[in-house]
Amino acid sequence: MKKKQKKKNLSRDHILESALKVIGFQGMGNLTHRSVAAKANVAHSTVSYYFRTIDDIASAAFKKIQIENRNFMDEQNASLADTGKRRTPRKLMEFAAEISKQEFDSGYILQAEQELLLYSTKNEQLRAEYSSYVNKGCEAFDNFLRECGYKNPNGLLIHAFWSGYEKSALEMPERYDFSDMADQAMQIIKTFK
């Protein structure tokens, strides 16, 4: 990759990370080109150069979260394959719990994800991207469970449980433990046999 392209990608990523901080700490209502520019410590025109509209920023920020979550899952799956350990629903749930914990511990990523989810109800483009993301995830989860011998998997049910758990953890963090989430998800998965 050329030096100029690398610099462009670094600037864009830095702006997206700053946008996620604005969304996660201040909410979608405070997401503007100026607020992102201030957080990124760049000129307003730099943000506008990469993202024409607020919807473009929101969409790209949501994709960034998706990609990072998918990369983490792929890395974990690859590490299991490298060690020769068997992939099980328990391991998958533990990976997902680890993602949620990391997002929660970041102080803003999980909140930003929830804000973007709410925003997607008013934004056709983001709603379509979110729907596609959920459908692909549920389909992959269903296929994974079928490979593990489950006859009636329901990835959408697990997704709904997981999303509700993450939202509740943001509202009442003192009452939720992400390691318990994997155990509770496994109780649901056992009903898929």
C-alpha atoms as a PDB file:
ATOM      1  CA  MET A   1       0.000   0.000   0.000  1.00  0.00           C
ATOM      2  CA  LYS A   2       1.326   3.415  -0.888  1.00  0.00           C
ATOM      3  CA  LYS A   3       2.415   5.807   1.835  1.00  0.00           C
ATOM      4  CA  LYS A   4      -0.282   8.351   0.902  1.00  0.00           C
ATOM      5  CA  GLN A   5      -3.014   5.674   1.046  1.00  0.00           C
ATOM      6  CA  LYS A   6      -1.776   4.455   4.443  1.00  0.00           C
ATOM      7  CA  LYS A   7      -1.884   7.999   5.811  1.00  0.00           C
ATOM      8  CA  LYS A   8      -5.401   8.442   4.408  1.00  0.00           C
ATOM      9  CA  ASN A   9      -6.557   5.202   6.063  1.00  0.00           C
ATOM     10  CA  LEU A  10      -4.980   6.224   9.378  1.00  0.00           C
ATOM     11  CA  SER A  11      -6.744   9.593   9.264  1.00  0.00           C
ATOM     12  CA  ARG A  12     -10.082   7.980   8.409  1.00  0.00           C
ATOM     13  CA  ASP A  13      -9.705   5.394  11.185  1.00  0.00           C
ATOM     14  CA  HIS A  14      -8.738   8.095  13.674  1.00  0.00           C
ATOM     15  CA  ILE A  15     -11.825  10.102  12.718  1.00  0.00           C
ATOM     16  CA  LEU A  16     -14.045   7.012  13.062  1.00  0.00           C
ATOM     17  CA  GLU A  17     -12.582   6.202  16.470  1.00  0.00           C
ATOM     18  CA  SER A  18     -13.253   9.795  17.517  1.00  0.00           C
ATOM     19  CA  ALA A  19     -16.811   9.535  16.171  1.00  0.00           C
ATOM     20  CA  LEU A  20     -17.365   6.399  18.267  1.00  0.00           C
ATOM     21  CA  LYS A  21     -16.148   8.276  21.337  1.00  0.00           C
ATOM     22  CA  VAL A  22     -18.569  11.131  20.644  1.00  0.00           C
ATOM     23  CA  ILE A  23     -21.440   8.671  20.145  1.00  0.00           C
ATOM     24  CA  GLY A  24     -20.511   6.528  23.159  1.00  0.00           C
ATOM     25  CA  PHE A  25     -19.819   9.331  25.622  1.00  0.00           C
ATOM     26  CA  GLN A  26     -22.185  12.064  24.423  1.00  0.00           C
ATOM     27  CA  GLY A  27     -24.876  10.245  22.413  1.00  0.00           C
ATOM     28  CA  MET A  28     -25.983  10.376  18.783  1.00  0.00           C
ATOM     29  CA  GLY A  29     -27.654  13.745  19.344  1.00  0.00           C
ATOM     30  CA  ASN A  30     -24.224  15.314  19.797  1.00  0.00           C
ATOM     31  CA  LEU A  31     -22.669  13.730  16.705  1.00  0.00           C
ATOM     32  CA  THR A  32     -21.732  16.513  14.312  1.00  0.00           C
ATOM     33  CA  HIS A  33     -18.831  17.089  11.971  1.00  0.00           C
ATOM     34  CA  ARG A  34     -17.569  19.709  14.405  1.00  0.00           C
ATOM     35  CA  SER A  35     -17.815  17.470  17.491  1.00  0.00           C
ATOM     36  CA  VAL A  36     -15.918  14.690  15.707  1.00  0.00           C
ATOM     37  CA  ALA A  37     -13.313  17.164  14.444  1.00  0.00           C
ATOM     38  CA  ALA A  38     -12.822  18.495  17.973  1.00  0.00           C
ATOM     39  CA  LYS A  39     -12.480  14.992  19.439  1.00  0.00           C
ATOM     40  CA  ALA A  40     -10.074  13.942  16.645  1.00  0.00           C
ATOM     41  CA  ASN A  41      -8.173  17.213  16.884  1.00  0.00           C
ATOM     42  CA  VAL A  42      -8.471  17.779  13.126  1.00  0.00           C
ATOM     43  CA  ALA A  43     -10.043  20.467  10.998  1.00  0.00           C
ATOM     44  CA  HIS A  44     -13.795  20.354  10.381  1.00  0.00           C
ATOM     45  CA  SER A  45     -13.052  20.119   6.655  1.00  0.00           C
ATOM     46  CA  THR A  46     -11.041  16.929   7.216  1.00  0.00           C
ATOM     47  CA  VAL A  47     -14.070  15.175   8.695  1.00  0.00           C
ATOM     48  CA  SER A  48     -16.257  16.487   5.858  1.00  0.00           C
ATOM     49  CA  TYR A  49     -13.700  15.238   3.326  1.00  0.00           C
ATOM     50  CA  TYR A  50     -14.055  11.649   4.530  1.00  0.00           C
ATOM     51  CA  PHE A  51     -17.739  11.730   5.534  1.00  0.00           C
ATOM     52  CA  ARG A  52     -20.188  13.934   3.686  1.00  0.00           C
ATOM     53  CA  THR A  53     -23.098  13.450   6.096  1.00  0.00           C
ATOM     54  CA  ILE A  54     -23.775  12.382   9.680  1.00  0.00           C
ATOM     55  CA  ASP A  55     -25.396   9.256   8.248  1.00  0.00           C
ATOM     56  CA  ASP A  56     -22.112   8.438   6.504  1.00  0.00           C
ATOM     57  CA  ILE A  57     -20.262   8.776   9.816  1.00  0.00           C
ATOM     58  CA  ALA A  58     -22.828   6.631  11.648  1.00  0.00           C
ATOM     59  CA  SER A  59     -22.755   3.952   8.962  1.00  0.00           C
ATOM     60  CA  ALA A  60     -18.952   3.799   8.875  1.00  0.00           C
ATOM     61  CA  ALA A  61     -18.751   3.744  12.687  1.00  0.00           C
ATOM     62  CA  PHE A  62     -21.196   0.846  12.819  1.00  0.00           C
ATOM     63  CA  LYS A  63     -19.210  -1.046  10.168  1.00  0.00           C
ATOM     64  CA  LYS A  64     -16.030  -0.470  12.200  1.00  0.00           C
ATOM     65  CA  ILE A  65     -17.621  -2.133  15.232  1.00  0.00           C
ATOM     66  CA  GLN A  66     -18.841  -5.043  13.073  1.00  0.00           C
ATOM     67  CA  ILE A  67     -15.423  -5.589  11.527  1.00  0.00           C
ATOM     68  CA  GLU A  68     -13.635  -5.480  14.865  1.00  0.00           C
ATOM     69  CA  ASN A  69     -16.091  -7.964  16.393  1.00  0.00           C
ATOM     70  CA  ARG A  70     -15.777 -10.300  13.394  1.00  0.00           C
ATOM     71  CA  ASN A  71     -11.960 -10.071  13.458  1.00  0.00           C
ATOM     72  CA  PHE A  72     -11.907 -10.939  17.164  1.00  0.00           C
ATOM     73  CA  MET A  73     -14.154 -13.977  16.597  1.00  0.00           C
ATOM     74  CA  ASP A  74     -12.025 -15.104  13.640  1.00  0.00           C
ATOM     75  CA  GLU A  75      -8.840 -14.769  15.712  1.00  0.00           C
ATOM     76  CA  GLN A  76     -10.345 -16.786  18.542  1.00  0.00           C
ATOM     77  CA  ASN A  77     -11.581 -19.466  16.162  1.00  0.00           C
ATOM     78  CA  ALA A  78      -8.165 -19.644  14.507  1.00  0.00           C
ATOM     79  CA  SER A  79      -6.439 -19.962  17.890  1.00  0.00           C
ATOM     80  CA  LEU A  80      -8.716 -22.896  18.729  1.00  0.00           C
ATOM     81  CA  ALA A  81      -7.889 -24.532  15.408  1.00  0.00           C
ATOM     82  CA  ASP A  82      -4.150 -23.951  15.972  1.00  0.00           C
ATOM     83  CA  THR A  83      -4.234 -25.602  19.382  1.00  0.00           C
ATOM     84  CA  GLY A  84      -6.353 -28.461  18.092  1.00  0.00           C
ATOM     85  CA  LYS A  85      -9.085 -27.760  20.630  1.00  0.00           C
ATOM     86  CA  ARG A  86     -12.625 -28.558  19.650  1.00  0.00           C
ATOM     87  CA  ARG A  87     -14.938 -25.693  18.781  1.00  0.00           C
ATOM     88  CA  THR A  88     -18.035 -25.856  20.944  1.00  0.00           C
ATOM     89  CA  PRO A  89     -21.049 -23.635  21.594  1.00  0.00           C
ATOM     90  CA  ARG A  90     -19.564 -22.987  25.056  1.00  0.00           C
ATOM     91  CA  LYS A  91     -16.370 -21.585  23.483  1.00  0.00           C
ATOM     92  CA  LEU A  92     -18.418 -19.482  21.055  1.00  0.00           C
ATOM     93  CA  MET A  93     -20.441 -18.034  23.933  1.00  0.00           C
ATOM     94  CA  GLU A  94     -17.250 -17.330  25.873  1.00  0.00           C
ATOM     95  CA  PHE A  95     -15.830 -15.479  22.854  1.00  0.00           C
ATOM     96  CA  ALA A  96     -19.006 -13.425  22.519  1.00  0.00           C
ATOM     97  CA  ALA A  97     -18.960 -12.649  26.253  1.00  0.00           C
ATOM     98  CA  GLU A  98     -15.345 -11.525  25.932  1.00  0.00           C
ATOM     99  CA  ILE A  99     -16.292  -9.154  23.084  1.00  0.00           C
ATOM    100  CA  SER A 100     -19.118  -7.697  25.163  1.00  0.00           C
ATOM    101  CA  LYS A 101     -16.828  -7.321  28.179  1.00  0.00           C
ATOM    102  CA  GLN A 102     -14.145  -5.573  26.124  1.00  0.00           C
ATOM    103  CA  GLU A 103     -16.757  -3.242  24.613  1.00  0.00           C
ATOM    104  CA  PHE A 104     -18.190  -2.511  28.056  1.00  0.00           C
ATOM    105  CA  ASP A 105     -14.747  -2.005  29.603  1.00  0.00           C
ATOM    106  CA  SER A 106     -13.827   0.454  26.839  1.00  0.00           C
ATOM    107  CA  GLY A 107     -16.221   2.912  28.437  1.00  0.00           C
ATOM    108  CA  TYR A 108     -17.848   3.833  25.154  1.00  0.00           C
ATOM    109  CA  ILE A 109     -17.929   1.119  22.457  1.00  0.00           C
ATOM    110  CA  LEU A 110     -20.888  -0.833  23.822  1.00  0.00           C
ATOM    111  CA  GLN A 111     -22.755   2.415  24.498  1.00  0.00           C
ATOM    112  CA  ALA A 112     -21.934   3.624  20.970  1.00  0.00           C
ATOM    113  CA  GLU A 113     -23.215   0.339  19.549  1.00  0.00           C
ATOM    114  CA  GLN A 114     -26.498   0.736  21.446  1.00  0.00           C
ATOM    115  CA  GLU A 115     -26.810   4.378  20.320  1.00  0.00           C
ATOM    116  CA  LEU A 116     -26.238   3.348  16.701  1.00  0.00           C
ATOM    117  CA  LEU A 117     -28.825   0.593  17.049  1.00  0.00           C
ATOM    118  CA  LEU A 118     -31.400   3.127  18.240  1.00  0.00           C
ATOM    119  CA  TYR A 119     -30.393   5.523  15.477  1.00  0.00           C
ATOM    120  CA  SER A 120     -30.884   2.751  12.918  1.00  0.00           C
ATOM    121  CA  THR A 121     -34.627   2.815  13.623  1.00  0.00           C
ATOM    122  CA  LYS A 122     -34.711   6.281  12.022  1.00  0.00           C
ATOM    123  CA  ASN A 123     -32.130   5.703   9.311  1.00  0.00           C
ATOM    124  CA  GLU A 124     -32.942   3.419   6.388  1.00  0.00           C
ATOM    125  CA  GLN A 125     -29.309   2.822   5.347  1.00  0.00           C
ATOM    126  CA  LEU A 126     -28.130   1.960   8.841  1.00  0.00           C
ATOM    127  CA  ARG A 127     -31.212  -0.186   9.492  1.00  0.00           C
ATOM    128  CA  ALA A 128     -30.464  -2.199   6.338  1.00  0.00           C
ATOM    129  CA  GLU A 129     -26.817  -2.639   7.371  1.00  0.00           C
ATOM    130  CA  TYR A 130     -27.802  -3.662  10.892  1.00  0.00           C
ATOM    131  CA  SER A 131     -30.389  -6.102   9.577  1.00  0.00           C
ATOM    132  CA  SER A 132     -27.844  -7.646   7.207  1.00  0.00           C
ATOM    133  CA  TYR A 133     -25.297  -7.900  10.042  1.00  0.00           C
ATOM    134  CA  VAL A 134     -27.797  -9.621  12.333  1.00  0.00           C
ATOM    135  CA  ASN A 135     -29.009 -11.987   9.614  1.00  0.00           C
ATOM    136  CA  LYS A 136     -25.461 -13.032   8.683  1.00  0.00           C
ATOM    137  CA  GLY A 137     -24.554 -13.513  12.336  1.00  0.00           C
ATOM    138  CA  CYS A 138     -27.669 -15.572  13.057  1.00  0.00           C
ATOM    139  CA  GLU A 139     -27.114 -17.695   9.960  1.00  0.00           C
ATOM    140  CA  ALA A 140     -23.481 -18.320  10.911  1.00  0.00           C
ATOM    141  CA  PHE A 141     -24.509 -19.188  14.460  1.00  0.00           C
ATOM    142  CA  ASP A 142     -27.212 -21.576  13.225  1.00  0.00           C
ATOM    143  CA  ASN A 143     -24.714 -23.303  10.907  1.00  0.00           C
ATOM    144  CA  PHE A 144     -22.181 -23.568  13.713  1.00  0.00           C
ATOM    145  CA  LEU A 145     -24.732 -25.176  16.028  1.00  0.00           C
ATOM    146  CA  ARG A 146     -25.853 -27.601  13.303  1.00  0.00           C
ATOM    147  CA  GLU A 147     -22.208 -28.666  12.912  1.00  0.00           C
ATOM    148  CA  CYS A 148     -22.168 -29.291  16.678  1.00  0.00           C
ATOM    149  CA  GLY A 149     -25.194 -31.598  16.337  1.00  0.00           C
ATOM    150  CA  TYR A 150     -28.054 -29.272  17.260  1.00  0.00           C
ATOM    151  CA  LYS A 151     -31.167 -29.908  15.205  1.00  0.00           C
ATOM    152  CA  ASN A 152     -33.227 -26.789  15.895  1.00  0.00           C
ATOM    153  CA  PRO A 153     -30.848 -23.836  16.331  1.00  0.00           C
ATOM    154  CA  ASN A 154     -32.280 -20.354  16.697  1.00  0.00           C
ATOM    155  CA  GLY A 155     -29.594 -17.724  16.244  1.00  0.00           C
ATOM    156  CA  LEU A 156     -32.169 -14.939  16.329  1.00  0.00           C
ATOM    157  CA  LEU A 157     -33.244 -15.977  19.831  1.00  0.00           C
ATOM    158  CA  ILE A 158     -29.622 -15.920  21.029  1.00  0.00           C
ATOM    159  CA  HIS A 159     -29.109 -12.541  19.353  1.00  0.00           C
ATOM    160  CA  ALA A 160     -32.184 -11.111  21.090  1.00  0.00           C
ATOM    161  CA  PHE A 161     -31.000 -12.498  24.445  1.00  0.00           C
ATOM    162  CA  TRP A 162     -27.485 -11.142  23.938  1.00  0.00           C
ATOM    163  CA  SER A 163     -28.665  -7.689  22.846  1.00  0.00           C
ATOM    164  CA  GLY A 164     -31.014  -7.440  25.811  1.00  0.00           C
ATOM    165  CA  TYR A 165     -28.271  -8.514  28.176  1.00  0.00           C
ATOM    166  CA  GLU A 166     -25.816  -5.921  26.842  1.00  0.00           C
ATOM    167  CA  LYS A 167     -28.432  -3.167  27.106  1.00  0.00           C
ATOM    168  CA  SER A 168     -29.252  -4.160  30.684  1.00  0.00           C
ATOM    169  CA  ALA A 169     -25.559  -4.274  31.578  1.00  0.00           C
ATOM    170  CA  LEU A 170     -25.226  -0.659  30.425  1.00  0.00           C
ATOM    171  CA  GLU A 171     -28.250   0.382  32.494  1.00  0.00           C
ATOM    172  CA  MET A 172     -27.291  -1.513  35.675  1.00  0.00           C
ATOM    173  CA  PRO A 173     -23.625  -2.540  35.460  1.00  0.00           C
ATOM    174  CA  GLU A 174     -23.417  -3.547  39.115  1.00  0.00           C
ATOM    175  CA  ARG A 175     -25.961  -6.340  38.564  1.00  0.00           C
ATOM    176  CA  TYR A 176     -24.448  -7.978  35.481  1.00  0.00           C
ATOM    177  CA  ASP A 177     -21.457 -10.184  34.910  1.00  0.00           C
ATOM    178  CA  PHE A 178     -20.504 -11.039  31.340  1.00  0.00           C
ATOM    179  CA  SER A 179     -19.220 -14.485  32.329  1.00  0.00           C
ATOM    180  CA  ASP A 180     -22.748 -15.297  33.532  1.00  0.00           C
ATOM    181  CA  MET A 181     -24.050 -14.353  30.089  1.00  0.00           C
ATOM    182  CA  ALA A 182     -22.264 -17.316  28.489  1.00  0.00           C
ATOM    183  CA  ASP A 183     -23.799 -19.662  31.077  1.00  0.00           C
ATOM    184  CA  GLN A 184     -27.286 -18.287  30.510  1.00  0.00           C
ATOM    185  CA  ALA A 185     -26.895 -18.449  26.730  1.00  0.00           C
ATOM    186  CA  MET A 186     -25.860 -22.102  27.059  1.00  0.00           C
ATOM    187  CA  GLN A 187     -29.084 -22.835  28.936  1.00  0.00           C
ATOM    188  CA  ILE A 188     -30.998 -21.494  25.918  1.00  0.00           C
ATOM    189  CA  ILE A 189     -28.800 -23.401  23.464  1.00  0.00           C
ATOM    190  CA  LYS A 190     -29.469 -26.684  25.278  1.00  0.00           C
ATOM    191  CA  THR A 191     -33.128 -26.349  24.280  1.00  0.00           C
ATOM    192  CA  PHE A 192     -32.105 -26.505  20.590  1.00  0.00           C
ATOM    193  CA  LYS A 193     -31.266 -30.231  20.775  1.00  0.00           C
END
